[in-house]
PDB file of N, CA and C in Angstrom:
ATOM      1  N   PHE A   1      13.476   0.794  22.430  1.00  0.00           N
ATOM      2  CA  PHE A   1      13.397   0.307  21.579  1.00  0.00           C
ATOM      3  C   PHE A   1      11.715  -0.174  21.358  1.00  0.00           C
ATOM      4  N   LEU A   2      11.417   0.470  19.923  1.00  0.00           N
ATOM      5  CA  LEU A   2      10.135   0.144  19.573  1.00  0.00           C
ATOM      6  C   LEU A   2       9.950  -1.084  18.468  1.00  0.00           C
ATOM      7  N   ALA A   3       9.065  -1.854  18.684  1.00  0.00           N
ATOM      8  CA  ALA A   3       9.215  -3.213  17.967  1.00  0.00           C
ATOM      9  C   ALA A   3       8.374  -3.138  16.503  1.00  0.00           C
ATOM     10  N   THR A   4       9.040  -3.692  15.825  1.00  0.00           N
ATOM     11  CA  THR A   4       7.969  -3.470  14.552  1.00  0.00           C
ATOM     12  C   THR A   4       7.339  -4.632  14.565  1.00  0.00           C
ATOM     13  N   PRO A   5       5.750  -4.521  14.074  1.00  0.00           N
ATOM     14  CA  PRO A   5       4.896  -5.888  14.010  1.00  0.00           C
ATOM     15  C   PRO A   5       5.588  -6.485  12.629  1.00  0.00           C
ATOM     16  N   PRO A   6       5.659  -7.870  13.201  1.00  0.00           N
ATOM     17  CA  PRO A   6       6.168  -8.777  12.052  1.00  0.00           C
ATOM     18  C   PRO A   6       5.490  -9.224  11.223  1.00  0.00           C
ATOM     19  N   TRP A   7       4.159  -8.982  11.119  1.00  0.00           N
ATOM     20  CA  TRP A   7       3.198  -9.773  10.365  1.00  0.00           C
ATOM     21  C   TRP A   7       2.266  -8.644   9.009  1.00  0.00           C
ATOM     22  N   ASP A   8       1.846  -8.916   8.229  1.00  0.00           N
ATOM     23  CA  ASP A   8       1.060  -8.108   7.148  1.00  0.00           C
ATOM     24  C   ASP A   8       0.101  -7.517   8.085  1.00  0.00           C
ATOM     25  N   LEU A   9       0.055  -6.254   7.905  1.00  0.00           N
ATOM     26  CA  LEU A   9      -0.913  -5.332   8.301  1.00  0.00           C
ATOM     27  C   LEU A   9      -2.332  -4.990   7.422  1.00  0.00           C
ATOM     28  N   THR A  10      -3.443  -5.078   7.846  1.00  0.00           N
ATOM     29  CA  THR A  10      -4.846  -4.838   7.047  1.00  0.00           C
ATOM     30  C   THR A  10      -5.512  -3.456   7.541  1.00  0.00           C
ATOM     31  N   PRO A  11      -6.159  -2.882   6.805  1.00  0.00           N
ATOM     32  CA  PRO A  11      -6.914  -1.935   7.172  1.00  0.00           C
ATOM     33  C   PRO A  11      -7.966  -2.136   8.226  1.00  0.00           C
ATOM     34  N   GLY A  12      -7.989  -0.961   9.664  1.00  0.00           N
ATOM     35  CA  GLY A  12      -8.761  -1.442  10.331  1.00  0.00           C
ATOM     36  C   GLY A  12      -8.076  -2.274  11.322  1.00  0.00           C
ATOM     37  N   GLU A  13      -7.038  -2.887  11.347  1.00  0.00           N
ATOM     38  CA  GLU A  13      -6.411  -3.401  12.101  1.00  0.00           C
ATOM     39  C   GLU A  13      -6.149  -2.872  13.439  1.00  0.00           C
ATOM     40  N   THR A  14      -6.324  -3.296  14.722  1.00  0.00           N
ATOM     41  CA  THR A  14      -5.626  -2.782  15.641  1.00  0.00           C
ATOM     42  C   THR A  14      -4.491  -3.218  16.231  1.00  0.00           C
ATOM     43  N   VAL A  15      -3.338  -2.621  16.389  1.00  0.00           N
ATOM     44  CA  VAL A  15      -2.117  -3.032  16.753  1.00  0.00           C
ATOM     45  C   VAL A  15      -1.453  -2.498  17.993  1.00  0.00           C
ATOM     46  N   ALA A  16      -1.319  -3.380  19.194  1.00  0.00           N
ATOM     47  CA  ALA A  16      -0.636  -3.255  20.203  1.00  0.00           C
ATOM     48  C   ALA A  16       0.920  -2.707  20.073  1.00  0.00           C
ATOM     49  N   LEU A  17       1.372  -2.106  20.180  1.00  0.00           N
ATOM     50  CA  LEU A  17       2.856  -1.451  20.290  1.00  0.00           C
ATOM     51  C   LEU A  17       3.465  -1.885  21.148  1.00  0.00           C
ATOM     52  N   LYS A  18       4.570  -2.473  21.067  1.00  0.00           N
ATOM     53  CA  LYS A  18       5.740  -2.635  22.021  1.00  0.00           C
ATOM     54  C   LYS A  18       6.893  -1.905  22.382  1.00  0.00           C
ATOM     55  N   LEU A  19       6.992  -1.424  23.524  1.00  0.00           N
ATOM     56  CA  LEU A  19       7.747  -0.441  23.794  1.00  0.00           C
ATOM     57  C   LEU A  19       8.959  -0.841  24.825  1.00  0.00           C
ATOM     58  N   GLN A  20      10.164  -0.955  24.824  1.00  0.00           N
ATOM     59  CA  GLN A  20      11.026  -1.613  25.639  1.00  0.00           C
ATOM     60  C   GLN A  20      12.001  -0.403  25.848  1.00  0.00           C
ATOM     61  N   VAL A  21      11.737   0.168  27.191  1.00  0.00           N
ATOM     62  CA  VAL A  21      12.624   0.929  27.777  1.00  0.00           C
ATOM     63  C   VAL A  21      13.483   0.354  29.136  1.00  0.00           C
ATOM     64  N   ARG A  22      14.797   0.880  29.294  1.00  0.00           N
ATOM     65  CA  ARG A  22      15.289   0.703  30.423  1.00  0.00           C
ATOM     66  C   ARG A  22      15.886   1.898  31.133  1.00  0.00           C
ATOM     67  N   SER A  23      15.061   2.247  32.359  1.00  0.00           N
ATOM     68  CA  SER A  23      15.450   3.904  32.581  1.00  0.00           C
ATOM     69  C   SER A  23      15.573   3.590  34.363  1.00  0.00           C
ATOM     70  N   VAL A  24      16.409   3.698  35.127  1.00  0.00           N
ATOM     71  CA  VAL A  24      16.881   3.755  35.968  1.00  0.00           C
ATOM     72  C   VAL A  24      16.130   4.832  36.915  1.00  0.00           C
ATOM     73  N   HIS A  25      15.478   5.938  36.257  1.00  0.00           N
ATOM     74  CA  HIS A  25      15.134   7.134  37.143  1.00  0.00           C
ATOM     75  C   HIS A  25      13.417   7.100  36.702  1.00  0.00           C
ATOM     76  N   GLY A  26      13.005   5.947  35.906  1.00  0.00           N
ATOM     77  CA  GLY A  26      11.588   6.251  35.908  1.00  0.00           C
ATOM     78  C   GLY A  26      11.225   7.206  34.777  1.00  0.00           C
ATOM     79  N   ILE A  27       9.938   6.958  34.366  1.00  0.00           N
ATOM     80  CA  ILE A  27       9.609   7.735  32.786  1.00  0.00           C
ATOM     81  C   ILE A  27       8.626   8.557  33.300  1.00  0.00           C
ATOM     82  N   ARG A  28       8.923  10.067  32.832  1.00  0.00           N
ATOM     83  CA  ARG A  28       8.006  11.155  33.079  1.00  0.00           C
ATOM     84  C   ARG A  28       7.119  11.328  32.043  1.00  0.00           C
ATOM     85  N   HIS A  29       7.569  11.381  30.799  1.00  0.00           N
ATOM     86  CA  HIS A  29       6.767  11.555  29.750  1.00  0.00           C
ATOM     87  C   HIS A  29       7.062  10.353  28.643  1.00  0.00           C
ATOM     88  N   LEU A  30       6.092  10.130  27.690  1.00  0.00           N
ATOM     89  CA  LEU A  30       6.414   9.639  26.521  1.00  0.00           C
ATOM     90  C   LEU A  30       6.000  10.587  25.306  1.00  0.00           C
ATOM     91  N   SER A  31       6.586  10.878  24.122  1.00  0.00           N
ATOM     92  CA  SER A  31       6.224  11.805  23.467  1.00  0.00           C
ATOM     93  C   SER A  31       6.417  11.103  21.881  1.00  0.00           C
ATOM     94  N   TRP A  32       4.971  10.746  21.477  1.00  0.00           N
ATOM     95  CA  TRP A  32       5.028   9.974  20.345  1.00  0.00           C
ATOM     96  C   TRP A  32       5.506  10.979  18.832  1.00  0.00           C
ATOM     97  N   GLN A  33       6.122  10.426  17.937  1.00  0.00           N
ATOM     98  CA  GLN A  33       6.539  11.224  16.886  1.00  0.00           C
ATOM     99  C   GLN A  33       5.985  10.691  15.818  1.00  0.00           C
ATOM    100  N   GLY A  34       5.621  11.530  14.657  1.00  0.00           N
ATOM    101  CA  GLY A  34       5.379  10.778  13.374  1.00  0.00           C
ATOM    102  C   GLY A  34       3.693  10.802  12.983  1.00  0.00           C
ATOM    103  N   ASP A  35       3.295   9.696  12.289  1.00  0.00           N
ATOM    104  CA  ASP A  35       1.694   9.884  11.666  1.00  0.00           C
ATOM    105  C   ASP A  35       0.791   9.174  12.856  1.00  0.00           C
ATOM    106  N   THR A  36       0.679   9.891  14.179  1.00  0.00           N
ATOM    107  CA  THR A  36       0.125   9.384  15.269  1.00  0.00           C
ATOM    108  C   THR A  36      -1.738   9.641  14.758  1.00  0.00           C
ATOM    109  N   GLN A  37      -1.804  11.077  14.183  1.00  0.00           N
ATOM    110  CA  GLN A  37      -3.114  11.046  14.061  1.00  0.00           C
ATOM    111  C   GLN A  37      -3.614  10.101  13.150  1.00  0.00           C
ATOM    112  N   ALA A  38      -2.809   9.817  11.705  1.00  0.00           N
ATOM    113  CA  ALA A  38      -3.604   9.092  10.625  1.00  0.00           C
ATOM    114  C   ALA A  38      -3.481   7.674  11.582  1.00  0.00           C
ATOM    115  N   LEU A  39      -2.562   7.386  12.361  1.00  0.00           N
ATOM    116  CA  LEU A  39      -2.906   6.101  13.037  1.00  0.00           C
ATOM    117  C   LEU A  39      -3.799   5.934  14.217  1.00  0.00           C
ATOM    118  N   SER A  40      -4.445   6.883  14.724  1.00  0.00           N
ATOM    119  CA  SER A  40      -5.663   6.720  15.525  1.00  0.00           C
ATOM    120  C   SER A  40      -4.640   6.178  17.062  1.00  0.00           C
ATOM    121  N   LEU A  41      -3.464   6.724  17.209  1.00  0.00           N
ATOM    122  CA  LEU A  41      -2.713   6.400  18.113  1.00  0.00           C
ATOM    123  C   LEU A  41      -3.468   6.737  19.631  1.00  0.00           C
ATOM    124  N   THR A  42      -3.614   5.637  20.680  1.00  0.00           N
ATOM    125  CA  THR A  42      -4.251   5.616  22.001  1.00  0.00           C
ATOM    126  C   THR A  42      -3.413   5.098  23.178  1.00  0.00           C
ATOM    127  N   ALA A  43      -3.451   5.677  23.933  1.00  0.00           N
ATOM    128  CA  ALA A  43      -2.821   5.548  25.205  1.00  0.00           C
ATOM    129  C   ALA A  43      -3.587   4.269  26.082  1.00  0.00           C
ATOM    130  N   GLY A  44      -2.922   3.515  26.774  1.00  0.00           N
ATOM    131  CA  GLY A  44      -3.279   2.559  27.774  1.00  0.00           C
ATOM    132  C   GLY A  44      -4.065   3.571  28.960  1.00  0.00           C
ATOM    133  N   THR A  45      -4.123   3.145  30.280  1.00  0.00           N
ATOM    134  CA  THR A  45      -4.560   3.595  31.456  1.00  0.00           C
ATOM    135  C   THR A  45      -3.552   4.786  31.915  1.00  0.00           C
ATOM    136  N   ASP A  46      -2.277   4.573  31.461  1.00  0.00           N
ATOM    137  CA  ASP A  46      -1.379   5.408  32.108  1.00  0.00           C
ATOM    138  C   ASP A  46      -0.380   6.148  30.707  1.00  0.00           C
ATOM    139  N   THR A  47      -0.622   7.195  30.700  1.00  0.00           N
ATOM    140  CA  THR A  47       0.274   7.776  29.572  1.00  0.00           C
ATOM    141  C   THR A  47       1.579   7.629  29.649  1.00  0.00           C
ATOM    142  N   ARG A  48       2.106   7.612  31.077  1.00  0.00           N
ATOM    143  CA  ARG A  48       3.752   7.502  31.557  1.00  0.00           C
ATOM    144  C   ARG A  48       4.157   6.085  31.163  1.00  0.00           C
ATOM    145  N   SER A  49       3.365   5.090  30.938  1.00  0.00           N
ATOM    146  CA  SER A  49       3.651   3.897  31.003  1.00  0.00           C
ATOM    147  C   SER A  49       3.879   3.287  29.137  1.00  0.00           C
ATOM    148  N   THR A  50       4.562   2.474  29.310  1.00  0.00           N
ATOM    149  CA  THR A  50       5.287   2.011  28.183  1.00  0.00           C
ATOM    150  C   THR A  50       4.147   0.779  27.520  1.00  0.00           C
ATOM    151  N   GLU A  51       3.060   0.215  28.517  1.00  0.00           N
ATOM    152  CA  GLU A  51       2.037  -0.752  28.223  1.00  0.00           C
ATOM    153  C   GLU A  51       0.961  -0.195  27.801  1.00  0.00           C
ATOM    154  N   GLY A  52       0.111  -0.909  26.965  1.00  0.00           N
ATOM    155  CA  GLY A  52      -1.046  -0.348  26.549  1.00  0.00           C
ATOM    156  C   GLY A  52      -1.337   0.546  25.241  1.00  0.00           C
ATOM    157  N   TRP A  53      -0.180   0.830  24.765  1.00  0.00           N
ATOM    158  CA  TRP A  53      -0.499   1.730  23.591  1.00  0.00           C
ATOM    159  C   TRP A  53      -0.971   0.945  22.279  1.00  0.00           C
ATOM    160  N   THR A  54      -1.656   1.616  21.834  1.00  0.00           N
ATOM    161  CA  THR A  54      -2.369   0.872  20.275  1.00  0.00           C
ATOM    162  C   THR A  54      -2.430   1.813  19.144  1.00  0.00           C
ATOM    163  N   ILE A  55      -2.535   1.411  17.939  1.00  0.00           N
ATOM    164  CA  ILE A  55      -2.918   1.898  16.827  1.00  0.00           C
ATOM    165  C   ILE A  55      -3.903   1.459  16.154  1.00  0.00           C
ATOM    166  N   ILE A  56      -4.653   2.115  15.224  1.00  0.00           N
ATOM    167  CA  ILE A  56      -5.462   1.425  14.192  1.00  0.00           C
ATOM    168  C   ILE A  56      -4.897   1.853  12.932  1.00  0.00           C
ATOM    169  N   MET A  57      -4.986   0.821  12.027  1.00  0.00           N
ATOM    170  CA  MET A  57      -4.512   1.045  10.867  1.00  0.00           C
ATOM    171  C   MET A  57      -5.586   1.704   9.710  1.00  0.00           C
ATOM    172  N   PRO A  58      -5.068   2.790   9.152  1.00  0.00           N
ATOM    173  CA  PRO A  58      -6.252   3.491   8.304  1.00  0.00           C
ATOM    174  C   PRO A  58      -6.440   2.558   7.192  1.00  0.00           C
ATOM    175  N   ALA A  59      -7.622   3.261   6.533  1.00  0.00           N
ATOM    176  CA  ALA A  59      -8.219   2.389   5.427  1.00  0.00           C
ATOM    177  C   ALA A  59      -7.058   2.603   4.288  1.00  0.00           C
ATOM    178  N   TRP A  60      -7.098   1.465   3.508  1.00  0.00           N
ATOM    179  CA  TRP A  60      -6.244   1.287   2.292  1.00  0.00           C
ATOM    180  C   TRP A  60      -6.778   2.571   1.292  1.00  0.00           C
ATOM    181  N   ASP A  61      -5.927   3.471   0.728  1.00  0.00           N
ATOM    182  CA  ASP A  61      -5.792   4.349  -0.230  1.00  0.00           C
ATOM    183  C   ASP A  61      -5.463   4.127  -1.598  1.00  0.00           C
ATOM    184  N   HIS A  62      -6.336   4.356  -2.304  1.00  0.00           N
ATOM    185  CA  HIS A  62      -6.155   3.536  -3.642  1.00  0.00           C
ATOM    186  C   HIS A  62      -5.942   4.618  -4.747  1.00  0.00           C
ATOM    187  N   ARG A  63      -5.944   5.907  -4.074  1.00  0.00           N
ATOM    188  CA  ARG A  63      -5.399   6.929  -5.119  1.00  0.00           C
ATOM    189  C   ARG A  63      -3.953   6.771  -5.505  1.00  0.00           C
ATOM    190  N   GLU A  64      -4.015   7.145  -6.799  1.00  0.00           N
ATOM    191  CA  GLU A  64      -2.536   6.923  -7.469  1.00  0.00           C
ATOM    192  C   GLU A  64      -1.319   7.929  -6.472  1.00  0.00           C
ATOM    193  N   GLY A  65      -0.185   6.993  -6.375  1.00  0.00           N
ATOM    194  CA  GLY A  65       0.897   7.682  -5.573  1.00  0.00           C
ATOM    195  C   GLY A  65       0.796   7.941  -4.055  1.00  0.00           C
ATOM    196  N   ALA A  66      -0.289   7.083  -3.737  1.00  0.00           N
ATOM    197  CA  ALA A  66      -0.313   6.898  -2.205  1.00  0.00           C
ATOM    198  C   ALA A  66       0.327   5.736  -1.894  1.00  0.00           C
ATOM    199  N   ALA A  67       1.056   6.090  -0.682  1.00  0.00           N
ATOM    200  CA  ALA A  67       2.253   5.199  -0.221  1.00  0.00           C
ATOM    201  C   ALA A  67       1.610   4.367   0.744  1.00  0.00           C
ATOM    202  N   ASN A  68       0.665   4.376   1.631  1.00  0.00           N
ATOM    203  CA  ASN A  68      -0.017   3.327   2.418  1.00  0.00           C
ATOM    204  C   ASN A  68       0.791   2.966   3.408  1.00  0.00           C
ATOM    205  N   ARG A  69       1.990   3.960   3.849  1.00  0.00           N
ATOM    206  CA  ARG A  69       3.017   3.544   4.726  1.00  0.00           C
ATOM    207  C   ARG A  69       3.133   5.106   6.100  1.00  0.00           C
ATOM    208  N   TRP A  70       3.249   4.463   7.121  1.00  0.00           N
ATOM    209  CA  TRP A  70       3.170   5.386   8.050  1.00  0.00           C
ATOM    210  C   TRP A  70       4.400   5.309   9.126  1.00  0.00           C
ATOM    211  N   ARG A  71       4.982   6.563   9.745  1.00  0.00           N
ATOM    212  CA  ARG A  71       6.066   6.203  10.447  1.00  0.00           C
ATOM    213  C   ARG A  71       6.156   6.572  11.979  1.00  0.00           C
ATOM    214  N   LEU A  72       6.290   5.995  12.740  1.00  0.00           N
ATOM    215  CA  LEU A  72       6.381   6.068  14.072  1.00  0.00           C
ATOM    216  C   LEU A  72       7.522   5.901  15.057  1.00  0.00           C
ATOM    217  N   SER A  73       7.713   6.903  15.968  1.00  0.00           N
ATOM    218  CA  SER A  73       8.587   6.628  16.660  1.00  0.00           C
ATOM    219  C   SER A  73       8.327   7.300  18.187  1.00  0.00           C
ATOM    220  N   VAL A  74       9.113   7.391  19.174  1.00  0.00           N
ATOM    221  CA  VAL A  74       8.876   7.835  20.722  1.00  0.00           C
ATOM    222  C   VAL A  74      10.008   8.328  21.315  1.00  0.00           C
ATOM    223  N   VAL A  75       9.972   9.556  22.080  1.00  0.00           N
ATOM    224  CA  VAL A  75      10.649  10.016  22.667  1.00  0.00           C
ATOM    225  C   VAL A  75      10.576   9.810  24.184  1.00  0.00           C
ATOM    226  N   VAL A  76      11.172   9.415  24.846  1.00  0.00           N
ATOM    227  CA  VAL A  76      11.174   9.103  26.265  1.00  0.00           C
ATOM    228  C   VAL A  76      11.860  10.145  27.227  1.00  0.00           C
ATOM    229  N   GLU A  77      11.160  10.507  28.314  1.00  0.00           N
ATOM    230  CA  GLU A  77      11.904  11.705  28.787  1.00  0.00           C
ATOM    231  C   GLU A  77      11.961  10.934  30.275  1.00  0.00           C
ATOM    232  N   ASP A  78      12.850  10.653  31.010  1.00  0.00           N
ATOM    233  CA  ASP A  78      12.838  10.098  32.697  1.00  0.00           C
ATOM    234  C   ASP A  78      12.766  11.654  33.661  1.00  0.00           C
ATOM    235  N   GLU A  79      12.580  10.948  34.649  1.00  0.00           N
ATOM    236  CA  GLU A  79      12.339  11.733  35.882  1.00  0.00           C
ATOM    237  C   GLU A  79      13.277  12.934  36.115  1.00  0.00           C
ATOM    238  N   LYS A  80      14.446  12.677  35.728  1.00  0.00           N
ATOM    239  CA  LYS A  80      15.734  13.582  35.505  1.00  0.00           C
ATOM    240  C   LYS A  80      15.415  14.739  34.389  1.00  0.00           C
ATOM    241  N   GLY A  81      14.824  14.406  33.486  1.00  0.00           N
ATOM    242  CA  GLY A  81      14.759  15.236  32.409  1.00  0.00           C
ATOM    243  C   GLY A  81      15.449  14.729  31.139  1.00  0.00           C
ATOM    244  N   GLN A  82      16.171  13.775  31.443  1.00  0.00           N
ATOM    245  CA  GLN A  82      17.071  13.053  30.165  1.00  0.00           C
ATOM    246  C   GLN A  82      16.152  12.491  29.151  1.00  0.00           C
ATOM    247  N   ARG A  83      16.323  12.910  28.024  1.00  0.00           N
ATOM    248  CA  ARG A  83      15.614  12.348  27.083  1.00  0.00           C
ATOM    249  C   ARG A  83      16.189  11.516  25.632  1.00  0.00           C
ATOM    250  N   VAL A  84      15.457  10.337  25.207  1.00  0.00           N
ATOM    251  CA  VAL A  84      16.188   9.580  24.056  1.00  0.00           C
ATOM    252  C   VAL A  84      15.116   9.463  23.164  1.00  0.00           C
ATOM    253  N   SER A  85      15.512   9.272  21.966  1.00  0.00           N
ATOM    254  CA  SER A  85      14.681   8.712  21.138  1.00  0.00           C
ATOM    255  C   SER A  85      14.601   7.558  20.822  1.00  0.00           C
ATOM    256  N   SER A  86      13.605   6.935  20.543  1.00  0.00           N
ATOM    257  CA  SER A  86      13.532   5.112  19.813  1.00  0.00           C
ATOM    258  C   SER A  86      13.953   5.245  18.352  1.00  0.00           C
ATOM    259  N   ASN A  87      13.995   3.900  17.806  1.00  0.00           N
ATOM    260  CA  ASN A  87      14.129   3.944  16.617  1.00  0.00           C
ATOM    261  C   ASN A  87      12.883   4.206  15.965  1.00  0.00           C
ATOM    262  N   GLU A  88      12.837   4.341  14.684  1.00  0.00           N
ATOM    263  CA  GLU A  88      11.652   4.743  14.023  1.00  0.00           C
ATOM    264  C   GLU A  88      11.227   3.389  13.065  1.00  0.00           C
ATOM    265  N   ILE A  89       9.955   3.198  13.487  1.00  0.00           N
ATOM    266  CA  ILE A  89       9.118   2.142  12.544  1.00  0.00           C
ATOM    267  C   ILE A  89       8.399   2.626  11.387  1.00  0.00           C
ATOM    268  N   THR A  90       8.476   1.688  10.235  1.00  0.00           N
ATOM    269  CA  THR A  90       7.388   2.223   9.428  1.00  0.00           C
ATOM    270  C   THR A  90       6.459   0.960   8.999  1.00  0.00           C
ATOM    271  N   LEU A  91       5.182   1.333   9.396  1.00  0.00           N
ATOM    272  CA  LEU A  91       3.889   0.525   9.246  1.00  0.00           C
ATOM    273  C   LEU A  91       3.340   0.947   7.649  1.00  0.00           C
ATOM    274  N   ALA A  92       3.314  -0.264   7.413  1.00  0.00           N
ATOM    275  CA  ALA A  92       2.755  -0.614   5.917  1.00  0.00           C
ATOM    276  C   ALA A  92       1.760  -1.300   5.708  1.00  0.00           C
ATOM    277  N   LEU A  93       0.581  -0.926   4.947  1.00  0.00           N
ATOM    278  CA  LEU A  93      -0.587  -2.057   4.858  1.00  0.00           C
ATOM    279  C   LEU A  93      -0.293  -2.923   3.498  1.00  0.00           C
ATOM    280  N   THR A  94      -0.749  -4.165   3.667  1.00  0.00           N
ATOM    281  CA  THR A  94      -0.543  -5.306   2.617  1.00  0.00           C
ATOM    282  C   THR A  94      -1.809  -4.888   1.632  1.00  0.00           C
ATOM    283  N   GLU A  95      -1.576  -4.764   0.334  1.00  0.00           N
ATOM    284  CA  GLU A  95      -2.683  -4.225  -0.569  1.00  0.00           C
ATOM    285  C   GLU A  95      -3.626  -5.220  -0.736  1.00  0.00           C
ATOM    286  N   PRO A  96      -4.943  -4.973  -0.363  1.00  0.00           N
ATOM    287  CA  PRO A  96      -5.922  -5.637  -0.522  1.00  0.00           C
ATOM    288  C   PRO A  96      -6.194  -6.361  -1.645  1.00  0.00           C
ATOM    289  N   PHE A  97      -6.705  -7.548  -2.009  1.00  0.00           N
ATOM    290  CA  PHE A  97      -6.713  -8.640  -3.212  1.00  0.00           C
ATOM    291  C   PHE A  97      -7.453  -7.757  -4.370  1.00  0.00           C
ATOM    292  N   ILE A  98      -8.800  -6.977  -3.787  1.00  0.00           N
ATOM    293  CA  ILE A  98      -9.441  -6.203  -4.733  1.00  0.00           C
ATOM    294  C   ILE A  98      -9.693  -4.919  -4.008  1.00  0.00           C
ATOM    295  N   THR A  99      -9.156  -4.001  -4.702  1.00  0.00           N
ATOM    296  CA  THR A  99      -9.249  -2.786  -4.216  1.00  0.00           C
ATOM    297  C   THR A  99     -10.331  -1.931  -5.249  1.00  0.00           C
ATOM    298  N   MET A 100     -11.507  -1.455  -4.378  1.00  0.00           N
ATOM    299  CA  MET A 100     -12.571  -0.779  -5.022  1.00  0.00           C
ATOM    300  C   MET A 100     -12.837   0.460  -4.419  1.00  0.00           C
ATOM    301  N   PRO A 101     -12.746   1.661  -4.900  1.00  0.00           N
ATOM    302  CA  PRO A 101     -13.102   2.802  -4.271  1.00  0.00           C
ATOM    303  C   PRO A 101     -14.585   3.111  -3.827  1.00  0.00           C
ATOM    304  N   ASP A 102     -15.039   3.459  -2.650  1.00  0.00           N
ATOM    305  CA  ASP A 102     -16.298   3.541  -2.176  1.00  0.00           C
ATOM    306  C   ASP A 102     -17.329   4.254  -3.044  1.00  0.00           C
ATOM    307  N   ASP A 103     -16.781   5.415  -3.921  1.00  0.00           N
ATOM    308  CA  ASP A 103     -17.705   5.709  -4.906  1.00  0.00           C
ATOM    309  C   ASP A 103     -17.779   5.437  -6.197  1.00  0.00           C
ATOM    310  N   ASN A 104     -17.385   4.110  -6.621  1.00  0.00           N
ATOM    311  CA  ASN A 104     -17.544   3.206  -7.823  1.00  0.00           C
ATOM    312  C   ASN A 104     -18.746   3.033  -8.038  1.00  0.00           C
ATOM    313  N   PRO A 105     -19.400   3.314  -8.990  1.00  0.00           N
ATOM    314  CA  PRO A 105     -20.619   3.162  -9.251  1.00  0.00           C
ATOM    315  C   PRO A 105     -21.002   1.599  -9.484  1.00  0.00           C
ATOM    316  N   HIS A 106     -19.980   0.697  -9.809  1.00  0.00           N
ATOM    317  CA  HIS A 106     -20.012  -0.581 -10.125  1.00  0.00           C
ATOM    318  C   HIS A 106     -20.173  -1.901  -8.811  1.00  0.00           C
ATOM    319  N   TRP A 107     -19.507  -0.982  -7.841  1.00  0.00           N
ATOM    320  CA  TRP A 107     -19.754  -1.948  -6.549  1.00  0.00           C
ATOM    321  C   TRP A 107     -20.918  -1.497  -5.693  1.00  0.00           C
ATOM    322  N   GLN A 108     -21.784  -1.834  -5.349  1.00  0.00           N
ATOM    323  CA  GLN A 108     -23.065  -2.064  -4.715  1.00  0.00           C
ATOM    324  C   GLN A 108     -23.251  -3.396  -4.041  1.00  0.00           C
ATOM    325  N   PRO A 109     -23.555  -2.934  -2.768  1.00  0.00           N
ATOM    326  CA  PRO A 109     -23.865  -4.201  -1.946  1.00  0.00           C
ATOM    327  C   PRO A 109     -24.591  -4.736  -2.148  1.00  0.00           C
ATOM    328  N   PHE A 110     -24.891  -6.248  -2.197  1.00  0.00           N
ATOM    329  CA  PHE A 110     -25.541  -7.325  -2.321  1.00  0.00           C
ATOM    330  C   PHE A 110     -27.201  -6.977  -2.032  1.00  0.00           C
ATOM    331  N   GLN A 111     -27.670  -6.767  -0.987  1.00  0.00           N
ATOM    332  CA  GLN A 111     -28.904  -6.437  -0.693  1.00  0.00           C
ATOM    333  C   GLN A 111     -29.488  -5.293  -1.178  1.00  0.00           C
ATOM    334  N   GLU A 112     -28.851  -4.474  -1.871  1.00  0.00           N
ATOM    335  CA  GLU A 112     -29.253  -3.470  -2.938  1.00  0.00           C
ATOM    336  C   GLU A 112     -29.636  -4.009  -4.292  1.00  0.00           C
ATOM    337  N   GLN A 113     -29.576  -5.081  -4.763  1.00  0.00           N
ATOM    338  CA  GLN A 113     -29.443  -5.336  -5.960  1.00  0.00           C
ATOM    339  C   GLN A 113     -30.908  -6.207  -6.338  1.00  0.00           C
TER     340      GLN A 113
END
């Protein structure tokens, strides 16, 4: 079971993933599926462990039609080669109060004024 974070997610936020696995035979391999690259998925000290996995939420995409949502699931393989897929979670950013594109000429850092 892959737990969905219960709070509003913000750009750049690091989220610890909570993965619950019951395996009599131990875990051989975890294979993450979905938007792993966009979410900067990072393993803990042991890639076979359910502990220590984190993601970093991407920046808000202000382009028209951008979903600002990412999907993630995991396939767990035990020492006997049996595989099971977790539920898929959707991680969505909370829209910033003000969204301003980085290249907007009206947006200037205060120190440059």
